[in-house]
Amino acid sequence: MLGGLVAVAFLPLLVMWVVIADVGTFAYFLGFAGYFLVAHVVLPGWVYIDATGRGSDSATAWTGACFLVPFVGFVVYYFVGQPDAAYEVDPSARAP
């Protein structure tokens, strides 16, 4: 669902740049879109999933830090904030 919302947000910009601008601007747009998806969707998503799977009480705070300061927040979480508990998967969430 989040991917669809991001696509809807970027679609008008994509159409505008393709119609008005040249290929260099389109490449810039694709680079920015890639950065945005990795830095503000994938990294915070991984931090939240990892922190909740390890039973962290501050999963939302680490996710927020990783979203606001993307790569620095991820590195700080990885070295400082990652709980020592092993990652546990909910048995009811497994595929049959």
Protein backbone atom coordinates (compact mmCIF):
# COMPACT_ATOMS: atom_id res chain seq x y z
CA MET A 1 0.00 0.00 0.00
CA LEU A 2 2.83 2.38 0.87
CA GLY A 3 4.48 1.66 -2.46
CA GLY A 4 1.26 2.59 -4.23
CA LEU A 5 1.03 5.86 -2.34
CA VAL A 6 4.63 6.70 -3.22
CA ALA A 7 3.94 5.87 -6.87
CA VAL A 8 0.90 8.14 -6.86
CA ALA A 9 2.98 10.94 -5.35
CA PHE A 10 5.75 10.59 -7.94
CA LEU A 11 3.56 9.93 -10.99
CA PRO A 12 2.62 13.58 -11.72
CA LEU A 13 6.27 14.63 -11.41
CA LEU A 14 7.33 11.82 -13.70
CA VAL A 15 4.80 12.81 -16.37
CA MET A 16 5.76 16.48 -16.08
CA TRP A 17 9.50 15.84 -16.40
CA VAL A 18 9.12 13.44 -19.31
CA VAL A 19 6.91 15.85 -21.24
CA ILE A 20 8.77 19.09 -20.46
CA ALA A 21 12.38 18.15 -19.77
CA ASP A 22 15.19 16.17 -21.34
CA VAL A 23 16.64 12.74 -20.53
CA GLY A 24 19.11 14.18 -17.99
CA THR A 25 16.28 15.52 -15.88
CA PHE A 26 14.50 12.18 -16.11
CA ALA A 27 17.66 10.43 -14.89
CA TYR A 28 17.83 12.90 -12.00
CA PHE A 29 14.23 12.07 -11.13
CA LEU A 30 14.91 8.33 -11.15
CA GLY A 31 17.95 8.84 -8.93
CA PHE A 32 15.95 10.89 -6.46
CA ALA A 33 13.10 8.37 -6.47
CA GLY A 34 15.58 5.55 -5.78
CA TYR A 35 17.17 7.50 -2.94
CA PHE A 36 13.77 8.32 -1.44
CA LEU A 37 12.57 4.73 -1.55
CA VAL A 38 15.73 3.33 0.01
CA ALA A 39 16.36 6.05 2.58
CA HIS A 40 12.80 6.79 3.68
CA VAL A 41 10.92 3.53 3.09
CA VAL A 42 13.25 0.50 3.03
CA LEU A 43 15.69 1.43 5.82
CA PRO A 44 13.08 2.63 8.34
CA GLY A 45 10.90 -0.35 7.45
CA TRP A 46 13.74 -2.77 8.11
CA VAL A 47 14.57 -1.03 11.39
CA TYR A 48 10.96 -1.26 12.55
CA ILE A 49 10.59 -4.92 11.58
CA ASP A 50 13.93 -5.82 13.18
CA ALA A 51 13.31 -3.85 16.37
CA THR A 52 9.83 -5.26 16.93
CA GLY A 53 11.04 -8.78 16.11
CA ARG A 54 13.73 -8.46 18.76
CA GLY A 55 11.27 -7.12 21.33
CA SER A 56 12.57 -3.54 21.51
CA ASP A 57 10.48 -1.12 23.54
CA SER A 58 11.60 1.81 21.39
CA ALA A 59 10.97 0.45 17.90
CA THR A 60 8.92 3.48 16.88
CA ALA A 61 11.59 5.92 18.11
CA TRP A 62 14.35 4.12 16.18
CA THR A 63 12.16 4.05 13.09
CA GLY A 64 11.53 7.79 13.40
CA ALA A 65 15.24 8.49 13.83
CA CYS A 66 16.03 6.37 10.79
CA PHE A 67 13.40 8.22 8.76
CA LEU A 68 14.53 11.71 9.78
CA VAL A 69 18.28 11.05 9.45
CA PRO A 70 18.23 8.10 7.06
CA PHE A 71 21.68 6.56 6.78
CA VAL A 72 23.08 7.91 10.05
CA GLY A 73 20.02 6.71 11.96
CA PHE A 74 20.34 3.26 10.43
CA VAL A 75 24.03 2.94 11.34
CA VAL A 76 23.42 4.18 14.89
CA TYR A 77 20.55 1.71 15.32
CA TYR A 78 22.65 -1.13 13.94
CA PHE A 79 25.57 -0.52 16.32
CA VAL A 80 23.87 1.00 19.38
CA GLY A 81 20.14 0.42 19.44
CA GLN A 82 19.82 -3.13 18.20
CA PRO A 83 18.66 -5.30 21.13
CA ASP A 84 20.77 -8.32 22.03
CA ALA A 85 17.79 -10.66 21.85
CA ALA A 86 17.57 -13.00 18.90
CA TYR A 87 15.06 -12.18 16.19
CA GLU A 88 11.86 -14.16 16.75
CA VAL A 89 9.20 -14.84 14.16
CA ASP A 90 5.61 -15.22 15.32
CA PRO A 91 4.67 -18.86 14.63
CA SER A 92 1.20 -17.84 13.45
CA ALA A 93 2.75 -15.54 10.81
CA ARG A 94 4.58 -18.35 9.00
CA ALA A 95 3.39 -19.64 5.66
CA PRO A 96 1.51 -22.96 5.76
